[in-house]
């Protein structure tokens, strides 16, 4: 996987999933066959695991049998699950403002502002280095995002000023948002838990997560007139079909649609005694 330039996180994930498959049967995975694969997939479905977890397992097993062992005939026997088509949660600009206002001044608020203003995935946010904030070109360098691709996103003057205030107060050395010992970034689980508390403090009722800020960033840019190709580059999507999903979330287009009920003629009230 290193030769194929897979990310360390993907290598770790695939290895763990294949190990779980082997542990389920108590045998080495290279001696397990199609019947065991089908049995394990049924087992996963019975556990009620998520679509993402199921298909990550499929990817790991396909790579193990098709690439590592060279048994390409096994790959066709490891089907993917059909992905449910659900629209992501999106906050309105007003709700984002409420969320930022409710965040604790300092690191928490700066992280929320950076994630939203730059449309970052959580892992991308946590991997930011101090030197990735390029004030001379007014861009943020997102290094080794999904698919191990670097990209640039705009740095707004307001965010730059807030980042400078945060840096003067916290003095991070390497990582922009370091752990207590400054030996690495904060843990993603810690940030997700803190975000759930923040959503509650802000009084929001939507099932928002840190990734909701990225969805909101994309939707708000489209509503502001940014074209889909530009948005694709900002989000770091390989396929434009992934970016096109946000076209379905534009509330400005929804508001422009005619209201069929309002265009109906006024109904004559029913007389008493008539049902």
C-alpha atoms as a PDB file:
ATOM      1  CA  UNK A   1       0.000   0.000   0.000  1.00  0.00           C
ATOM      2  CA  UNK A   2       2.946   2.326   0.613  1.00  0.00           C
ATOM      3  CA  UNK A   3       4.151   1.649  -2.941  1.00  0.00           C
ATOM      4  CA  UNK A   4       0.715   2.688  -4.210  1.00  0.00           C
ATOM      5  CA  UNK A   5       0.957   5.894  -2.138  1.00  0.00           C
ATOM      6  CA  UNK A   6      -1.909   5.084   0.192  1.00  0.00           C
ATOM      7  CA  UNK A   7      -2.109   7.386   3.187  1.00  0.00           C
ATOM      8  CA  UNK A   8      -0.888   6.065   6.573  1.00  0.00           C
ATOM      9  CA  UNK A   9      -4.433   6.365   7.875  1.00  0.00           C
ATOM     10  CA  UNK A  10      -5.809   4.193   5.032  1.00  0.00           C
ATOM     11  CA  UNK A  11      -3.071   1.599   5.553  1.00  0.00           C
ATOM     12  CA  UNK A  12      -3.848   1.439   9.271  1.00  0.00           C
ATOM     13  CA  UNK A  13      -7.590   1.202   8.610  1.00  0.00           C
ATOM     14  CA  UNK A  14      -7.355  -1.540   5.959  1.00  0.00           C
ATOM     15  CA  UNK A  15      -4.970  -3.574   8.120  1.00  0.00           C
ATOM     16  CA  UNK A  16      -7.304  -3.351  11.118  1.00  0.00           C
ATOM     17  CA  UNK A  17     -10.371  -4.358   9.087  1.00  0.00           C
ATOM     18  CA  UNK A  18      -8.681  -7.406   7.566  1.00  0.00           C
ATOM     19  CA  UNK A  19      -7.448  -8.370  11.041  1.00  0.00           C
ATOM     20  CA  UNK A  20     -11.023  -8.143  12.372  1.00  0.00           C
ATOM     21  CA  UNK A  21     -12.202 -10.379   9.510  1.00  0.00           C
ATOM     22  CA  UNK A  22      -9.552 -12.963  10.366  1.00  0.00           C
ATOM     23  CA  UNK A  23     -10.260 -12.750  14.107  1.00  0.00           C
ATOM     24  CA  UNK A  24     -13.954 -13.440  13.499  1.00  0.00           C
ATOM     25  CA  UNK A  25     -13.066 -16.905  12.167  1.00  0.00           C
ATOM     26  CA  UNK A  26      -9.920 -17.416  14.216  1.00  0.00           C
ATOM     27  CA  UNK A  27      -7.876 -18.218  11.115  1.00  0.00           C
ATOM     28  CA  UNK A  28      -5.384 -16.510   8.837  1.00  0.00           C
ATOM     29  CA  UNK A  29      -7.220 -14.483   6.152  1.00  0.00           C
ATOM     30  CA  UNK A  30      -5.239 -16.040   3.300  1.00  0.00           C
ATOM     31  CA  UNK A  31      -6.918 -19.417   3.898  1.00  0.00           C
ATOM     32  CA  UNK A  32     -10.436 -17.973   4.119  1.00  0.00           C
ATOM     33  CA  UNK A  33     -12.564 -18.125   0.998  1.00  0.00           C
ATOM     34  CA  UNK A  34     -15.719 -16.833  -0.638  1.00  0.00           C
ATOM     35  CA  UNK A  35     -18.050 -18.564   1.818  1.00  0.00           C
ATOM     36  CA  UNK A  36     -16.357 -16.937   4.808  1.00  0.00           C
ATOM     37  CA  UNK A  37     -16.480 -13.548   3.099  1.00  0.00           C
ATOM     38  CA  UNK A  38     -20.246 -13.850   2.530  1.00  0.00           C
ATOM     39  CA  UNK A  39     -20.783 -15.065   6.088  1.00  0.00           C
ATOM     40  CA  UNK A  40     -18.807 -12.124   7.455  1.00  0.00           C
ATOM     41  CA  UNK A  41     -20.750  -9.603   5.382  1.00  0.00           C
ATOM     42  CA  UNK A  42     -24.020 -11.044   6.702  1.00  0.00           C
ATOM     43  CA  UNK A  43     -22.549 -10.787  10.201  1.00  0.00           C
ATOM     44  CA  UNK A  44     -21.756  -7.101   9.665  1.00  0.00           C
ATOM     45  CA  UNK A  45     -25.259  -6.390   8.403  1.00  0.00           C
ATOM     46  CA  UNK A  46     -26.687  -8.171  11.425  1.00  0.00           C
ATOM     47  CA  UNK A  47     -24.638  -5.929  13.712  1.00  0.00           C
ATOM     48  CA  UNK A  48     -26.289  -2.893  12.136  1.00  0.00           C
ATOM     49  CA  UNK A  49     -23.004  -1.238  11.237  1.00  0.00           C
ATOM     50  CA  UNK A  50     -22.980   1.891   9.077  1.00  0.00           C
ATOM     51  CA  UNK A  51     -22.798   1.921   5.292  1.00  0.00           C
ATOM     52  CA  UNK A  52     -19.384   3.567   5.543  1.00  0.00           C
ATOM     53  CA  UNK A  53     -17.952   0.869   7.825  1.00  0.00           C
ATOM     54  CA  UNK A  54     -19.367  -1.916   5.638  1.00  0.00           C
ATOM     55  CA  UNK A  55     -17.891  -0.516   2.440  1.00  0.00           C
ATOM     56  CA  UNK A  56     -14.543   0.271   4.076  1.00  0.00           C
ATOM     57  CA  UNK A  57     -14.398  -3.414   4.995  1.00  0.00           C
ATOM     58  CA  UNK A  58     -15.208  -4.335   1.392  1.00  0.00           C
ATOM     59  CA  UNK A  59     -12.395  -2.068   0.124  1.00  0.00           C
ATOM     60  CA  UNK A  60      -9.937  -3.608   2.585  1.00  0.00           C
ATOM     61  CA  UNK A  61     -10.864  -7.183   1.632  1.00  0.00           C
ATOM     62  CA  UNK A  62     -10.816  -6.392  -2.082  1.00  0.00           C
ATOM     63  CA  UNK A  63      -7.328  -4.940  -1.760  1.00  0.00           C
ATOM     64  CA  UNK A  64      -6.120  -7.870   0.338  1.00  0.00           C
ATOM     65  CA  UNK A  65      -7.401 -10.575  -2.015  1.00  0.00           C
ATOM     66  CA  UNK A  66      -7.073  -8.764  -5.330  1.00  0.00           C
ATOM     67  CA  UNK A  67      -3.770  -6.921  -4.861  1.00  0.00           C
ATOM     68  CA  UNK A  68      -1.873  -8.446  -1.939  1.00  0.00           C
ATOM     69  CA  UNK A  69      -2.675 -12.111  -2.729  1.00  0.00           C
ATOM     70  CA  UNK A  70      -3.337 -11.641  -6.452  1.00  0.00           C
ATOM     71  CA  UNK A  71      -6.576 -13.613  -6.292  1.00  0.00           C
ATOM     72  CA  UNK A  72      -8.533 -11.281  -8.537  1.00  0.00           C
ATOM     73  CA  UNK A  73     -11.357 -13.790  -8.977  1.00  0.00           C
ATOM     74  CA  UNK A  74     -12.300 -13.215  -5.324  1.00  0.00           C
ATOM     75  CA  UNK A  75     -12.857  -9.483  -5.807  1.00  0.00           C
ATOM     76  CA  UNK A  76     -16.111  -9.945  -7.737  1.00  0.00           C
ATOM     77  CA  UNK A  77     -17.422 -12.006  -4.809  1.00  0.00           C
ATOM     78  CA  UNK A  78     -17.078  -9.081  -2.389  1.00  0.00           C
ATOM     79  CA  UNK A  79     -19.943  -6.711  -3.269  1.00  0.00           C
ATOM     80  CA  UNK A  80     -20.374  -3.183  -1.976  1.00  0.00           C
ATOM     81  CA  UNK A  81     -23.495  -2.158  -0.110  1.00  0.00           C
ATOM     82  CA  UNK A  82     -25.844   0.271  -1.795  1.00  0.00           C
ATOM     83  CA  UNK A  83     -25.260   3.711  -0.332  1.00  0.00           C
ATOM     84  CA  UNK A  84     -28.366   5.398   1.117  1.00  0.00           C
ATOM     85  CA  UNK A  85     -28.971   8.778  -0.496  1.00  0.00           C
ATOM     86  CA  UNK A  86     -29.396  11.243   2.341  1.00  0.00           C
ATOM     87  CA  UNK A  87     -28.987  14.994   2.159  1.00  0.00           C
ATOM     88  CA  UNK A  88     -26.378  16.300   4.596  1.00  0.00           C
ATOM     89  CA  UNK A  89     -27.187  18.636   7.464  1.00  0.00           C
ATOM     90  CA  UNK A  90     -26.572  22.300   6.576  1.00  0.00           C
ATOM     91  CA  UNK A  91     -26.672  25.317   8.875  1.00  0.00           C
ATOM     92  CA  UNK A  92     -27.922  28.706   7.739  1.00  0.00           C
ATOM     93  CA  UNK A  93     -25.460  31.640   7.904  1.00  0.00           C
ATOM     94  CA  UNK A  94     -27.393  32.884  10.939  1.00  0.00           C
ATOM     95  CA  UNK A  95     -27.005  29.516  12.676  1.00  0.00           C
ATOM     96  CA  UNK A  96     -23.260  29.495  11.956  1.00  0.00           C
ATOM     97  CA  UNK A  97     -23.010  32.962  13.514  1.00  0.00           C
ATOM     98  CA  UNK A  98     -24.873  31.744  16.603  1.00  0.00           C
ATOM     99  CA  UNK A  99     -22.545  28.749  16.844  1.00  0.00           C
ATOM    100  CA  UNK A 100     -19.424  30.907  16.630  1.00  0.00           C
ATOM    101  CA  UNK A 101     -20.785  33.309  19.228  1.00  0.00           C
ATOM    102  CA  UNK A 102     -21.503  30.407  21.596  1.00  0.00           C
ATOM    103  CA  UNK A 103     -17.989  28.977  21.206  1.00  0.00           C
ATOM    104  CA  UNK A 104     -15.467  29.671  23.949  1.00  0.00           C
ATOM    105  CA  UNK A 105     -13.136  32.529  23.061  1.00  0.00           C
ATOM    106  CA  UNK A 106      -9.692  31.325  22.033  1.00  0.00           C
ATOM    107  CA  UNK A 107      -8.922  27.937  20.554  1.00  0.00           C
ATOM    108  CA  UNK A 108     -12.489  26.597  20.288  1.00  0.00           C
ATOM    109  CA  UNK A 109     -13.850  29.651  18.496  1.00  0.00           C
ATOM    110  CA  UNK A 110     -10.806  29.886  16.233  1.00  0.00           C
ATOM    111  CA  UNK A 111     -11.158  26.236  15.210  1.00  0.00           C
ATOM    112  CA  UNK A 112     -14.846  26.682  14.368  1.00  0.00           C
ATOM    113  CA  UNK A 113     -14.124  29.816  12.339  1.00  0.00           C
ATOM    114  CA  UNK A 114     -11.248  28.159  10.474  1.00  0.00           C
ATOM    115  CA  UNK A 115     -13.199  24.989   9.677  1.00  0.00           C
ATOM    116  CA  UNK A 116     -16.147  26.981   8.322  1.00  0.00           C
ATOM    117  CA  UNK A 117     -14.233  29.754   6.517  1.00  0.00           C
ATOM    118  CA  UNK A 118     -11.969  27.258   4.728  1.00  0.00           C
ATOM    119  CA  UNK A 119     -14.383  24.328   4.259  1.00  0.00           C
ATOM    120  CA  UNK A 120     -12.016  21.881   5.926  1.00  0.00           C
ATOM    121  CA  UNK A 121     -12.522  18.282   6.901  1.00  0.00           C
ATOM    122  CA  UNK A 122     -11.786  17.679  10.584  1.00  0.00           C
ATOM    123  CA  UNK A 123      -8.539  15.813   9.871  1.00  0.00           C
ATOM    124  CA  UNK A 124      -7.405  18.618   7.566  1.00  0.00           C
ATOM    125  CA  UNK A 125      -8.115  21.177  10.277  1.00  0.00           C
ATOM    126  CA  UNK A 126      -6.147  19.227  12.888  1.00  0.00           C
ATOM    127  CA  UNK A 127      -3.163  18.710  10.546  1.00  0.00           C
ATOM    128  CA  UNK A 128      -2.708  22.434   9.902  1.00  0.00           C
ATOM    129  CA  UNK A 129       0.707  23.810  10.752  1.00  0.00           C
ATOM    130  CA  UNK A 130       1.381  27.395  11.746  1.00  0.00           C
ATOM    131  CA  UNK A 131       3.361  27.809   8.509  1.00  0.00           C
ATOM    132  CA  UNK A 132       0.325  26.746   6.443  1.00  0.00           C
ATOM    133  CA  UNK A 133      -1.217  30.179   7.037  1.00  0.00           C
ATOM    134  CA  UNK A 134       0.256  32.182   4.135  1.00  0.00           C
ATOM    135  CA  UNK A 135      -0.637  35.807   4.845  1.00  0.00           C
ATOM    136  CA  UNK A 136       1.482  37.115   1.954  1.00  0.00           C
ATOM    137  CA  UNK A 137      -0.736  35.344  -0.590  1.00  0.00           C
ATOM    138  CA  UNK A 138      -3.828  35.275   1.659  1.00  0.00           C
ATOM    139  CA  UNK A 139      -4.281  31.522   1.329  1.00  0.00           C
ATOM    140  CA  UNK A 140      -4.339  28.518   3.649  1.00  0.00           C
ATOM    141  CA  UNK A 141      -2.339  25.505   2.464  1.00  0.00           C
ATOM    142  CA  UNK A 142      -4.239  22.265   3.027  1.00  0.00           C
ATOM    143  CA  UNK A 143      -1.627  19.535   2.898  1.00  0.00           C
ATOM    144  CA  UNK A 144      -2.315  15.885   2.108  1.00  0.00           C
ATOM    145  CA  UNK A 145      -6.101  16.091   2.192  1.00  0.00           C
ATOM    146  CA  UNK A 146      -8.318  13.194   1.186  1.00  0.00           C
ATOM    147  CA  UNK A 147      -6.598  11.270  -1.582  1.00  0.00           C
ATOM    148  CA  UNK A 148      -3.241  12.685  -0.400  1.00  0.00           C
ATOM    149  CA  UNK A 149      -3.714  15.898  -2.391  1.00  0.00           C
ATOM    150  CA  UNK A 150      -2.582  19.388  -1.438  1.00  0.00           C
ATOM    151  CA  UNK A 151      -4.796  22.378  -2.208  1.00  0.00           C
ATOM    152  CA  UNK A 152      -5.168  26.083  -1.477  1.00  0.00           C
ATOM    153  CA  UNK A 153      -8.191  27.795   0.041  1.00  0.00           C
ATOM    154  CA  UNK A 154      -8.696  31.554   0.456  1.00  0.00           C
ATOM    155  CA  UNK A 155      -7.730  33.239   3.722  1.00  0.00           C
ATOM    156  CA  UNK A 156     -10.134  36.050   4.595  1.00  0.00           C
ATOM    157  CA  UNK A 157      -8.825  39.192   6.359  1.00  0.00           C
ATOM    158  CA  UNK A 158     -11.165  38.535   9.295  1.00  0.00           C
ATOM    159  CA  UNK A 159      -9.929  34.980   9.751  1.00  0.00           C
ATOM    160  CA  UNK A 160      -6.309  36.126   9.461  1.00  0.00           C
ATOM    161  CA  UNK A 161      -6.824  38.693  12.217  1.00  0.00           C
ATOM    162  CA  UNK A 162      -8.508  36.101  14.434  1.00  0.00           C
ATOM    163  CA  UNK A 163      -5.720  33.581  13.804  1.00  0.00           C
ATOM    164  CA  UNK A 164      -3.119  36.192  14.718  1.00  0.00           C
ATOM    165  CA  UNK A 165      -4.936  36.970  17.973  1.00  0.00           C
ATOM    166  CA  UNK A 166      -5.116  33.252  18.732  1.00  0.00           C
ATOM    167  CA  UNK A 167      -1.399  32.801  17.985  1.00  0.00           C
ATOM    168  CA  UNK A 168      -0.396  35.707  20.226  1.00  0.00           C
ATOM    169  CA  UNK A 169      -2.404  34.198  23.091  1.00  0.00           C
ATOM    170  CA  UNK A 170      -1.513  30.503  22.625  1.00  0.00           C
ATOM    171  CA  UNK A 171       1.894  30.617  20.884  1.00  0.00           C
ATOM    172  CA  UNK A 172       1.587  27.270  19.043  1.00  0.00           C
ATOM    173  CA  UNK A 173       4.960  26.204  17.676  1.00  0.00           C
ATOM    174  CA  UNK A 174       4.409  23.625  14.910  1.00  0.00           C
ATOM    175  CA  UNK A 175       0.800  22.440  14.914  1.00  0.00           C
ATOM    176  CA  UNK A 176      -1.754  25.241  14.683  1.00  0.00           C
ATOM    177  CA  UNK A 177      -4.032  23.409  17.125  1.00  0.00           C
ATOM    178  CA  UNK A 178      -1.643  21.267  19.204  1.00  0.00           C
ATOM    179  CA  UNK A 179      -2.262  18.932  22.099  1.00  0.00           C
ATOM    180  CA  UNK A 180      -1.193  19.897  25.608  1.00  0.00           C
ATOM    181  CA  UNK A 181       2.408  18.808  25.118  1.00  0.00           C
ATOM    182  CA  UNK A 182       2.639  20.360  21.617  1.00  0.00           C
ATOM    183  CA  UNK A 183       3.939  17.011  20.335  1.00  0.00           C
ATOM    184  CA  UNK A 184       1.072  16.548  17.891  1.00  0.00           C
ATOM    185  CA  UNK A 185      -2.370  17.808  16.953  1.00  0.00           C
ATOM    186  CA  UNK A 186      -5.491  17.529  19.069  1.00  0.00           C
ATOM    187  CA  UNK A 187      -7.401  14.237  18.898  1.00  0.00           C
ATOM    188  CA  UNK A 188     -10.397  14.200  16.553  1.00  0.00           C
ATOM    189  CA  UNK A 189     -12.622  12.508  19.135  1.00  0.00           C
ATOM    190  CA  UNK A 190     -11.969  15.300  21.618  1.00  0.00           C
ATOM    191  CA  UNK A 191     -13.033  17.911  19.077  1.00  0.00           C
ATOM    192  CA  UNK A 192     -16.182  16.024  18.084  1.00  0.00           C
ATOM    193  CA  UNK A 193     -17.284  15.697  21.712  1.00  0.00           C
ATOM    194  CA  UNK A 194     -16.624  19.353  22.333  1.00  0.00           C
ATOM    195  CA  UNK A 195     -18.600  20.269  19.220  1.00  0.00           C
ATOM    196  CA  UNK A 196     -21.646  18.327  20.412  1.00  0.00           C
ATOM    197  CA  UNK A 197     -21.574  20.310  23.654  1.00  0.00           C
ATOM    198  CA  UNK A 198     -21.217  23.516  21.660  1.00  0.00           C
ATOM    199  CA  UNK A 199     -24.275  22.731  19.521  1.00  0.00           C
ATOM    200  CA  UNK A 200     -26.277  22.240  22.721  1.00  0.00           C
ATOM    201  CA  UNK A 201     -25.004  25.503  24.234  1.00  0.00           C
ATOM    202  CA  UNK A 202     -25.882  27.346  21.040  1.00  0.00           C
ATOM    203  CA  UNK A 203     -29.467  26.035  21.213  1.00  0.00           C
ATOM    204  CA  UNK A 204     -29.334  24.467  17.746  1.00  0.00           C
ATOM    205  CA  UNK A 205     -31.713  21.587  17.094  1.00  0.00           C
ATOM    206  CA  UNK A 206     -30.117  20.259  13.893  1.00  0.00           C
ATOM    207  CA  UNK A 207     -27.904  17.139  14.161  1.00  0.00           C
ATOM    208  CA  UNK A 208     -24.779  19.136  13.376  1.00  0.00           C
ATOM    209  CA  UNK A 209     -21.237  17.744  13.506  1.00  0.00           C
ATOM    210  CA  UNK A 210     -17.887  19.310  12.665  1.00  0.00           C
ATOM    211  CA  UNK A 211     -18.382  18.115   9.075  1.00  0.00           C
ATOM    212  CA  UNK A 212     -21.599  20.147   8.946  1.00  0.00           C
ATOM    213  CA  UNK A 213     -19.401  23.264   8.806  1.00  0.00           C
ATOM    214  CA  UNK A 214     -17.885  21.975   5.547  1.00  0.00           C
ATOM    215  CA  UNK A 215     -21.343  21.263   4.109  1.00  0.00           C
ATOM    216  CA  UNK A 216     -22.462  24.755   5.143  1.00  0.00           C
ATOM    217  CA  UNK A 217     -19.347  26.340   3.591  1.00  0.00           C
ATOM    218  CA  UNK A 218     -20.051  24.659   0.247  1.00  0.00           C
ATOM    219  CA  UNK A 219     -23.767  25.478   0.233  1.00  0.00           C
ATOM    220  CA  UNK A 220     -23.261  29.115   1.229  1.00  0.00           C
ATOM    221  CA  UNK A 221     -20.646  29.633  -1.497  1.00  0.00           C
ATOM    222  CA  UNK A 222     -23.013  28.269  -4.139  1.00  0.00           C
ATOM    223  CA  UNK A 223     -25.760  30.549  -2.837  1.00  0.00           C
ATOM    224  CA  UNK A 224     -23.302  33.451  -3.109  1.00  0.00           C
ATOM    225  CA  UNK A 225     -22.770  32.699  -6.807  1.00  0.00           C
ATOM    226  CA  UNK A 226     -19.557  30.627  -6.794  1.00  0.00           C
ATOM    227  CA  UNK A 227     -19.539  28.173  -9.714  1.00  0.00           C
ATOM    228  CA  UNK A 228     -19.380  24.410  -9.204  1.00  0.00           C
ATOM    229  CA  UNK A 229     -15.923  23.967 -10.791  1.00  0.00           C
ATOM    230  CA  UNK A 230     -14.360  26.497  -8.436  1.00  0.00           C
ATOM    231  CA  UNK A 231     -16.109  24.907  -5.485  1.00  0.00           C
ATOM    232  CA  UNK A 232     -14.804  21.492  -6.546  1.00  0.00           C
ATOM    233  CA  UNK A 233     -11.225  22.801  -6.318  1.00  0.00           C
ATOM    234  CA  UNK A 234     -11.830  24.452  -2.945  1.00  0.00           C
ATOM    235  CA  UNK A 235     -13.305  21.263  -1.481  1.00  0.00           C
ATOM    236  CA  UNK A 236     -10.650  19.002  -2.996  1.00  0.00           C
ATOM    237  CA  UNK A 237     -13.149  16.715  -4.711  1.00  0.00           C
ATOM    238  CA  UNK A 238     -11.853  14.388  -7.418  1.00  0.00           C
ATOM    239  CA  UNK A 239     -15.271  13.963  -9.056  1.00  0.00           C
ATOM    240  CA  UNK A 240     -17.479  16.946  -9.826  1.00  0.00           C
ATOM    241  CA  UNK A 241     -20.495  14.703  -9.226  1.00  0.00           C
ATOM    242  CA  UNK A 242     -19.577  14.796  -5.530  1.00  0.00           C
ATOM    243  CA  UNK A 243     -19.623  18.592  -5.560  1.00  0.00           C
ATOM    244  CA  UNK A 244     -22.876  18.688  -7.520  1.00  0.00           C
ATOM    245  CA  UNK A 245     -24.679  17.243  -4.505  1.00  0.00           C
ATOM    246  CA  UNK A 246     -24.633  20.716  -2.967  1.00  0.00           C
ATOM    247  CA  UNK A 247     -26.762  22.045  -5.817  1.00  0.00           C
ATOM    248  CA  UNK A 248     -29.685  20.224  -4.191  1.00  0.00           C
ATOM    249  CA  UNK A 249     -29.117  22.095  -0.923  1.00  0.00           C
ATOM    250  CA  UNK A 250     -29.366  25.674  -2.198  1.00  0.00           C
ATOM    251  CA  UNK A 251     -32.186  27.361  -0.317  1.00  0.00           C
ATOM    252  CA  UNK A 252     -32.094  30.412  -2.603  1.00  0.00           C
ATOM    253  CA  UNK A 253     -33.200  28.238  -5.541  1.00  0.00           C
ATOM    254  CA  UNK A 254     -35.901  26.669  -3.401  1.00  0.00           C
ATOM    255  CA  UNK A 255     -37.278  30.093  -2.491  1.00  0.00           C
ATOM    256  CA  UNK A 256     -37.486  31.061  -6.171  1.00  0.00           C
ATOM    257  CA  UNK A 257     -39.700  28.108  -7.062  1.00  0.00           C
ATOM    258  CA  UNK A 258     -43.391  28.893  -7.499  1.00  0.00           C
ATOM    259  CA  UNK A 259     -45.661  27.925  -4.633  1.00  0.00           C
ATOM    260  CA  UNK A 260     -48.367  25.818  -6.272  1.00  0.00           C
ATOM    261  CA  UNK A 261     -50.661  25.962  -3.266  1.00  0.00           C
ATOM    262  CA  UNK A 262     -50.497  29.760  -3.122  1.00  0.00           C
ATOM    263  CA  UNK A 263     -51.424  29.945  -6.810  1.00  0.00           C
ATOM    264  CA  UNK A 264     -54.615  27.988  -6.326  1.00  0.00           C
ATOM    265  CA  UNK A 265     -57.804  29.969  -6.388  1.00  0.00           C
ATOM    266  CA  UNK A 266     -59.450  30.698  -3.062  1.00  0.00           C
ATOM    267  CA  UNK A 267     -61.713  27.834  -2.076  1.00  0.00           C
ATOM    268  CA  UNK A 268     -65.387  28.451  -1.328  1.00  0.00           C
ATOM    269  CA  UNK A 269     -66.101  27.605   2.331  1.00  0.00           C
ATOM    270  CA  UNK A 270     -68.359  24.604   2.836  1.00  0.00           C
ATOM    271  CA  UNK A 271     -71.913  25.432   3.879  1.00  0.00           C
ATOM    272  CA  UNK A 272     -73.165  24.123   7.187  1.00  0.00           C
ATOM    273  CA  UNK A 273     -74.647  20.674   6.901  1.00  0.00           C
ATOM    274  CA  UNK A 274     -72.398  19.700   3.956  1.00  0.00           C
ATOM    275  CA  UNK A 275     -69.519  17.324   4.474  1.00  0.00           C
END
